[in-house]
Amino acid sequence: MATKKTAKPQPATDPDFTTPILDLIREVVPEPDLFLDSRNTVLGLRTPRDVIQDPAGERRVREMVLRYKYGIYA
């Protein structure tokens, strides 16, 4: 019996994770500028605009936006 070769994992190409964060916010959030400039308790009362300057903060904001996009409100 021949063994099947498996493909090497490819870098993430999911648009939810490769789209620039500001473009994703504009696509998903009804009032993106209001969202970006509003203090958020999840972000320690910082604004998303301030938080996305840091890669870890950008990831956190991206997760928030994707939860909203897919209707996960936990």
PDB file of N, CA and C in Angstrom:
ATOM      1  N   MET A   1       0.834  -1.173   0.000  1.00  0.00           N
ATOM      2  CA  MET A   1       0.000   0.000   0.000  1.00  0.00           C
ATOM      3  C   MET A   1       0.890   1.251   0.000  1.00  0.00           C
ATOM      4  N   ALA A   2       0.631   2.153  -0.910  1.00  0.00           N
ATOM      5  CA  ALA A   2       1.416   3.380  -1.024  1.00  0.00           C
ATOM      6  C   ALA A   2       0.959   4.385   0.023  1.00  0.00           C
ATOM      7  N   THR A   3       1.910   5.121   0.530  1.00  0.00           N
ATOM      8  CA  THR A   3       1.547   6.159   1.491  1.00  0.00           C
ATOM      9  C   THR A   3       1.278   7.457   0.742  1.00  0.00           C
ATOM     10  N   LYS A   4       0.339   8.183   1.241  1.00  0.00           N
ATOM     11  CA  LYS A   4      -0.065   9.435   0.612  1.00  0.00           C
ATOM     12  C   LYS A   4       0.754  10.585   1.195  1.00  0.00           C
ATOM     13  N   LYS A   5       1.350  11.390   0.322  1.00  0.00           N
ATOM     14  CA  LYS A   5       2.098  12.559   0.787  1.00  0.00           C
ATOM     15  C   LYS A   5       1.111  13.635   1.210  1.00  0.00           C
ATOM     16  N   THR A   6       1.433  14.280   2.285  1.00  0.00           N
ATOM     17  CA  THR A   6       0.586  15.384   2.726  1.00  0.00           C
ATOM     18  C   THR A   6       1.259  16.695   2.358  1.00  0.00           C
ATOM     19  N   ALA A   7       0.466  17.640   1.980  1.00  0.00           N
ATOM     20  CA  ALA A   7       0.996  18.954   1.599  1.00  0.00           C
ATOM     21  C   ALA A   7       1.472  19.701   2.835  1.00  0.00           C
ATOM     22  N   LYS A   8       2.498  20.483   2.656  1.00  0.00           N
ATOM     23  CA  LYS A   8       2.983  21.315   3.753  1.00  0.00           C
ATOM     24  C   LYS A   8       1.947  22.398   4.035  1.00  0.00           C
ATOM     25  N   PRO A   9       1.769  22.743   5.295  1.00  0.00           N
ATOM     26  CA  PRO A   9       0.813  23.809   5.615  1.00  0.00           C
ATOM     27  C   PRO A   9       1.200  25.112   4.905  1.00  0.00           C
ATOM     28  N   GLN A  10       0.227  25.782   4.374  1.00  0.00           N
ATOM     29  CA  GLN A  10       0.430  27.060   3.694  1.00  0.00           C
ATOM     30  C   GLN A  10       0.111  28.205   4.653  1.00  0.00           C
ATOM     31  N   PRO A  11       0.712  29.360   4.451  1.00  0.00           N
ATOM     32  CA  PRO A  11       0.374  30.508   5.303  1.00  0.00           C
ATOM     33  C   PRO A  11      -1.112  30.830   5.195  1.00  0.00           C
ATOM     34  N   ALA A  12      -1.637  31.396   6.243  1.00  0.00           N
ATOM     35  CA  ALA A  12      -3.058  31.754   6.274  1.00  0.00           C
ATOM     36  C   ALA A  12      -3.397  32.678   5.113  1.00  0.00           C
ATOM     37  N   THR A  13      -4.421  32.329   4.386  1.00  0.00           N
ATOM     38  CA  THR A  13      -4.875  33.182   3.287  1.00  0.00           C
ATOM     39  C   THR A  13      -6.326  33.592   3.493  1.00  0.00           C
ATOM     40  N   ASP A  14      -6.848  33.352   4.666  1.00  0.00           N
ATOM     41  CA  ASP A  14      -8.217  33.726   4.981  1.00  0.00           C
ATOM     42  C   ASP A  14      -8.320  35.247   4.979  1.00  0.00           C
ATOM     43  N   PRO A  15      -9.225  35.820   4.163  1.00  0.00           N
ATOM     44  CA  PRO A  15      -9.327  37.280   4.093  1.00  0.00           C
ATOM     45  C   PRO A  15      -9.663  37.927   5.438  1.00  0.00           C
ATOM     46  N   ASP A  16     -10.312  37.197   6.336  1.00  0.00           N
ATOM     47  CA  ASP A  16     -10.609  37.762   7.651  1.00  0.00           C
ATOM     48  C   ASP A  16      -9.334  38.081   8.420  1.00  0.00           C
ATOM     49  N   PHE A  17      -8.247  37.393   8.085  1.00  0.00           N
ATOM     50  CA  PHE A  17      -6.991  37.600   8.803  1.00  0.00           C
ATOM     51  C   PHE A  17      -5.928  38.297   7.965  1.00  0.00           C
ATOM     52  N   THR A  18      -6.144  38.423   6.659  1.00  0.00           N
ATOM     53  CA  THR A  18      -5.157  39.078   5.801  1.00  0.00           C
ATOM     54  C   THR A  18      -5.586  40.477   5.364  1.00  0.00           C
ATOM     55  N   THR A  19      -6.876  40.773   5.446  1.00  0.00           N
ATOM     56  CA  THR A  19      -7.371  42.107   5.105  1.00  0.00           C
ATOM     57  C   THR A  19      -6.837  43.112   6.125  1.00  0.00           C
ATOM     58  N   PRO A  20      -6.357  44.257   5.675  1.00  0.00           N
ATOM     59  CA  PRO A  20      -5.925  45.281   6.645  1.00  0.00           C
ATOM     60  C   PRO A  20      -7.062  45.592   7.627  1.00  0.00           C
ATOM     61  N   ILE A  21      -6.695  45.795   8.889  1.00  0.00           N
ATOM     62  CA  ILE A  21      -7.690  45.945   9.953  1.00  0.00           C
ATOM     63  C   ILE A  21      -8.669  47.088   9.690  1.00  0.00           C
ATOM     64  N   LEU A  22      -8.192  48.215   9.191  1.00  0.00           N
ATOM     65  CA  LEU A  22      -9.114  49.331   8.935  1.00  0.00           C
ATOM     66  C   LEU A  22     -10.106  48.995   7.830  1.00  0.00           C
ATOM     67  N   ASP A  23      -9.684  48.253   6.820  1.00  0.00           N
ATOM     68  CA  ASP A  23     -10.602  47.831   5.761  1.00  0.00           C
ATOM     69  C   ASP A  23     -11.642  46.860   6.304  1.00  0.00           C
ATOM     70  N   LEU A  24     -11.216  45.948   7.181  1.00  0.00           N
ATOM     71  CA  LEU A  24     -12.151  44.995   7.783  1.00  0.00           C
ATOM     72  C   LEU A  24     -13.184  45.725   8.634  1.00  0.00           C
ATOM     73  N   ILE A  25     -12.739  46.700   9.409  1.00  0.00           N
ATOM     74  CA  ILE A  25     -13.661  47.476  10.241  1.00  0.00           C
ATOM     75  C   ILE A  25     -14.660  48.216   9.370  1.00  0.00           C
ATOM     76  N   ARG A  26     -14.194  48.836   8.297  1.00  0.00           N
ATOM     77  CA  ARG A  26     -15.106  49.576   7.401  1.00  0.00           C
ATOM     78  C   ARG A  26     -16.106  48.647   6.714  1.00  0.00           C
ATOM     79  N   GLU A  27     -15.705  47.410   6.471  1.00  0.00           N
ATOM     80  CA  GLU A  27     -16.583  46.427   5.835  1.00  0.00           C
ATOM     81  C   GLU A  27     -17.661  45.919   6.800  1.00  0.00           C
ATOM     82  N   VAL A  28     -17.313  45.783   8.081  1.00  0.00           N
ATOM     83  CA  VAL A  28     -18.189  45.098   9.034  1.00  0.00           C
ATOM     84  C   VAL A  28     -18.991  46.047   9.916  1.00  0.00           C
ATOM     85  N   VAL A  29     -18.371  47.103  10.388  1.00  0.00           N
ATOM     86  CA  VAL A  29     -18.994  47.979  11.383  1.00  0.00           C
ATOM     87  C   VAL A  29     -19.808  49.067  10.683  1.00  0.00           C
ATOM     88  N   PRO A  30     -21.079  49.241  11.078  1.00  0.00           N
ATOM     89  CA  PRO A  30     -21.933  50.243  10.418  1.00  0.00           C
ATOM     90  C   PRO A  30     -21.395  51.672  10.499  1.00  0.00           C
ATOM     91  N   GLU A  31     -20.829  52.083  11.617  1.00  0.00           N
ATOM     92  CA  GLU A  31     -20.257  53.426  11.759  1.00  0.00           C
ATOM     93  C   GLU A  31     -18.794  53.280  12.191  1.00  0.00           C
ATOM     94  N   PRO A  32     -17.910  52.995  11.236  1.00  0.00           N
ATOM     95  CA  PRO A  32     -16.525  52.672  11.590  1.00  0.00           C
ATOM     96  C   PRO A  32     -15.775  53.771  12.334  1.00  0.00           C
ATOM     97  N   ASP A  33     -15.965  55.030  11.969  1.00  0.00           N
ATOM     98  CA  ASP A  33     -15.233  56.100  12.656  1.00  0.00           C
ATOM     99  C   ASP A  33     -15.689  56.249  14.107  1.00  0.00           C
ATOM    100  N   LEU A  34     -16.974  56.095  14.344  1.00  0.00           N
ATOM    101  CA  LEU A  34     -17.490  56.143  15.710  1.00  0.00           C
ATOM    102  C   LEU A  34     -16.917  54.988  16.522  1.00  0.00           C
ATOM    103  N   PHE A  35     -16.895  53.799  15.941  1.00  0.00           N
ATOM    104  CA  PHE A  35     -16.317  52.630  16.604  1.00  0.00           C
ATOM    105  C   PHE A  35     -14.849  52.862  16.931  1.00  0.00           C
ATOM    106  N   LEU A  36     -14.093  53.351  15.968  1.00  0.00           N
ATOM    107  CA  LEU A  36     -12.651  53.537  16.153  1.00  0.00           C
ATOM    108  C   LEU A  36     -12.316  54.562  17.226  1.00  0.00           C
ATOM    109  N   ASP A  37     -13.180  55.553  17.433  1.00  0.00           N
ATOM    110  CA  ASP A  37     -12.889  56.629  18.374  1.00  0.00           C
ATOM    111  C   ASP A  37     -13.622  56.511  19.708  1.00  0.00           C
ATOM    112  N   SER A  38     -14.380  55.427  19.912  1.00  0.00           N
ATOM    113  CA  SER A  38     -15.123  55.234  21.161  1.00  0.00           C
ATOM    114  C   SER A  38     -14.325  54.378  22.129  1.00  0.00           C
ATOM    115  N   ARG A  39     -14.278  54.808  23.371  1.00  0.00           N
ATOM    116  CA  ARG A  39     -13.605  54.018  24.399  1.00  0.00           C
ATOM    117  C   ARG A  39     -14.377  52.716  24.593  1.00  0.00           C
ATOM    118  N   ASN A  40     -13.635  51.639  24.840  1.00  0.00           N
ATOM    119  CA  ASN A  40     -14.243  50.320  24.926  1.00  0.00           C
ATOM    120  C   ASN A  40     -13.771  49.637  26.201  1.00  0.00           C
ATOM    121  N   THR A  41     -14.716  49.120  26.986  1.00  0.00           N
ATOM    122  CA  THR A  41     -14.348  48.461  28.243  1.00  0.00           C
ATOM    123  C   THR A  41     -13.512  47.208  28.002  1.00  0.00           C
ATOM    124  N   VAL A  42     -13.753  46.506  26.910  1.00  0.00           N
ATOM    125  CA  VAL A  42     -12.977  45.306  26.588  1.00  0.00           C
ATOM    126  C   VAL A  42     -11.512  45.658  26.344  1.00  0.00           C
ATOM    127  N   LEU A  43     -11.277  46.867  25.881  1.00  0.00           N
ATOM    128  CA  LEU A  43      -9.920  47.320  25.574  1.00  0.00           C
ATOM    129  C   LEU A  43      -9.339  48.164  26.710  1.00  0.00           C
ATOM    130  N   GLY A  44      -9.896  48.040  27.904  1.00  0.00           N
ATOM    131  CA  GLY A  44      -9.395  48.803  29.044  1.00  0.00           C
ATOM    132  C   GLY A  44      -9.670  50.287  28.924  1.00  0.00           C
ATOM    133  N   LEU A  45     -10.830  50.618  28.381  1.00  0.00           N
ATOM    134  CA  LEU A  45     -11.276  51.998  28.156  1.00  0.00           C
ATOM    135  C   LEU A  45     -10.390  52.769  27.185  1.00  0.00           C
ATOM    136  N   ARG A  46      -9.672  52.048  26.343  1.00  0.00           N
ATOM    137  CA  ARG A  46      -8.909  52.672  25.261  1.00  0.00           C
ATOM    138  C   ARG A  46      -9.743  52.595  23.995  1.00  0.00           C
ATOM    139  N   THR A  47      -9.414  53.394  23.013  1.00  0.00           N
ATOM    140  CA  THR A  47     -10.146  53.359  21.750  1.00  0.00           C
ATOM    141  C   THR A  47      -9.499  52.317  20.824  1.00  0.00           C
ATOM    142  N   PRO A  48     -10.294  51.687  19.968  1.00  0.00           N
ATOM    143  CA  PRO A  48      -9.722  50.763  18.999  1.00  0.00           C
ATOM    144  C   PRO A  48      -8.627  51.416  18.149  1.00  0.00           C
ATOM    145  N   ARG A  49      -8.801  52.690  17.807  1.00  0.00           N
ATOM    146  CA  ARG A  49      -7.798  53.391  16.995  1.00  0.00           C
ATOM    147  C   ARG A  49      -6.437  53.426  17.712  1.00  0.00           C
ATOM    148  N   ASP A  50      -6.457  53.613  19.034  1.00  0.00           N
ATOM    149  CA  ASP A  50      -5.213  53.607  19.805  1.00  0.00           C
ATOM    150  C   ASP A  50      -4.634  52.193  19.907  1.00  0.00           C
ATOM    151  N   VAL A  51      -5.486  51.228  20.108  1.00  0.00           N
ATOM    152  CA  VAL A  51      -5.047  49.851  20.362  1.00  0.00           C
ATOM    153  C   VAL A  51      -4.453  49.197  19.115  1.00  0.00           C
ATOM    154  N   ILE A  52      -4.955  49.520  17.933  1.00  0.00           N
ATOM    155  CA  ILE A  52      -4.473  48.826  16.723  1.00  0.00           C
ATOM    156  C   ILE A  52      -3.057  49.240  16.324  1.00  0.00           C
ATOM    157  N   GLN A  53      -2.471  50.188  17.037  1.00  0.00           N
ATOM    158  CA  GLN A  53      -1.087  50.579  16.758  1.00  0.00           C
ATOM    159  C   GLN A  53      -0.112  49.469  17.159  1.00  0.00           C
ATOM    160  N   ASP A  54      -0.539  48.589  18.039  1.00  0.00           N
ATOM    161  CA  ASP A  54       0.273  47.490  18.558  1.00  0.00           C
ATOM    162  C   ASP A  54      -0.228  46.178  17.939  1.00  0.00           C
ATOM    163  N   PRO A  55       0.650  45.286  17.477  1.00  0.00           N
ATOM    164  CA  PRO A  55       0.201  44.032  16.851  1.00  0.00           C
ATOM    165  C   PRO A  55      -0.729  43.199  17.738  1.00  0.00           C
ATOM    166  N   ALA A  56      -0.454  43.141  19.036  1.00  0.00           N
ATOM    167  CA  ALA A  56      -1.331  42.378  19.929  1.00  0.00           C
ATOM    168  C   ALA A  56      -2.690  43.065  20.049  1.00  0.00           C
ATOM    169  N   GLY A  57      -2.683  44.378  20.099  1.00  0.00           N
ATOM    170  CA  GLY A  57      -3.936  45.126  20.164  1.00  0.00           C
ATOM    171  C   GLY A  57      -4.733  44.992  18.883  1.00  0.00           C
ATOM    172  N   GLU A  58      -4.025  45.015  17.752  1.00  0.00           N
ATOM    173  CA  GLU A  58      -4.716  44.838  16.467  1.00  0.00           C
ATOM    174  C   GLU A  58      -5.400  43.480  16.426  1.00  0.00           C
ATOM    175  N   ARG A  59      -4.736  42.450  16.915  1.00  0.00           N
ATOM    176  CA  ARG A  59      -5.322  41.111  16.931  1.00  0.00           C
ATOM    177  C   ARG A  59      -6.585  41.095  17.801  1.00  0.00           C
ATOM    178  N   ARG A  60      -6.519  41.794  18.927  1.00  0.00           N
ATOM    179  CA  ARG A  60      -7.683  41.836  19.826  1.00  0.00           C
ATOM    180  C   ARG A  60      -8.868  42.552  19.165  1.00  0.00           C
ATOM    181  N   VAL A  61      -8.598  43.662  18.502  1.00  0.00           N
ATOM    182  CA  VAL A  61      -9.666  44.394  17.810  1.00  0.00           C
ATOM    183  C   VAL A  61     -10.201  43.550  16.652  1.00  0.00           C
ATOM    184  N   ARG A  62      -9.325  42.884  15.919  1.00  0.00           N
ATOM    185  CA  ARG A  62      -9.753  42.021  14.810  1.00  0.00           C
ATOM    186  C   ARG A  62     -10.688  40.928  15.330  1.00  0.00           C
ATOM    187  N   GLU A  63     -10.358  40.333  16.472  1.00  0.00           N
ATOM    188  CA  GLU A  63     -11.215  39.304  17.055  1.00  0.00           C
ATOM    189  C   GLU A  63     -12.582  39.882  17.419  1.00  0.00           C
ATOM    190  N   MET A  64     -12.610  41.102  17.964  1.00  0.00           N
ATOM    191  CA  MET A  64     -13.883  41.748  18.305  1.00  0.00           C
ATOM    192  C   MET A  64     -14.735  41.957  17.051  1.00  0.00           C
ATOM    193  N   VAL A  65     -14.103  42.470  16.007  1.00  0.00           N
ATOM    194  CA  VAL A  65     -14.829  42.755  14.764  1.00  0.00           C
ATOM    195  C   VAL A  65     -15.335  41.467  14.132  1.00  0.00           C
ATOM    196  N   LEU A  66     -14.529  40.420  14.161  1.00  0.00           N
ATOM    197  CA  LEU A  66     -14.956  39.140  13.577  1.00  0.00           C
ATOM    198  C   LEU A  66     -16.081  38.511  14.390  1.00  0.00           C
ATOM    199  N   ARG A  67     -16.068  38.678  15.706  1.00  0.00           N
ATOM    200  CA  ARG A  67     -17.198  38.186  16.513  1.00  0.00           C
ATOM    201  C   ARG A  67     -18.484  38.894  16.094  1.00  0.00           C
ATOM    202  N   TYR A  68     -18.392  40.186  15.887  1.00  0.00           N
ATOM    203  CA  TYR A  68     -19.556  40.950  15.434  1.00  0.00           C
ATOM    204  C   TYR A  68     -19.988  40.482  14.048  1.00  0.00           C
ATOM    205  N   LYS A  69     -19.030  40.281  13.167  1.00  0.00           N
ATOM    206  CA  LYS A  69     -19.323  39.865  11.793  1.00  0.00           C
ATOM    207  C   LYS A  69     -20.074  38.547  11.757  1.00  0.00           C
ATOM    208  N   TYR A  70     -19.686  37.615  12.621  1.00  0.00           N
ATOM    209  CA  TYR A  70     -20.294  36.285  12.603  1.00  0.00           C
ATOM    210  C   TYR A  70     -21.349  36.085  13.682  1.00  0.00           C
ATOM    211  N   GLY A  71     -21.722  37.143  14.383  1.00  0.00           N
ATOM    212  CA  GLY A  71     -22.819  37.071  15.337  1.00  0.00           C
ATOM    213  C   GLY A  71     -22.489  36.342  16.621  1.00  0.00           C
ATOM    214  N   ILE A  72     -21.248  36.421  17.070  1.00  0.00           N
ATOM    215  CA  ILE A  72     -20.849  35.775  18.316  1.00  0.00           C
ATOM    216  C   ILE A  72     -20.723  36.871  19.367  1.00  0.00           C
ATOM    217  N   TYR A  73     -21.695  36.966  20.241  1.00  0.00           N
ATOM    218  CA  TYR A  73     -21.736  38.065  21.217  1.00  0.00           C
ATOM    219  C   TYR A  73     -21.514  37.566  22.635  1.00  0.00           C
ATOM    220  N   ALA A  74     -20.470  36.837  22.882  1.00  0.00           N
ATOM    221  CA  ALA A  74     -20.240  36.313  24.234  1.00  0.00           C
ATOM    222  C   ALA A  74     -19.200  37.118  24.959  1.00  0.00           C
TER     223      ALA A  74
END
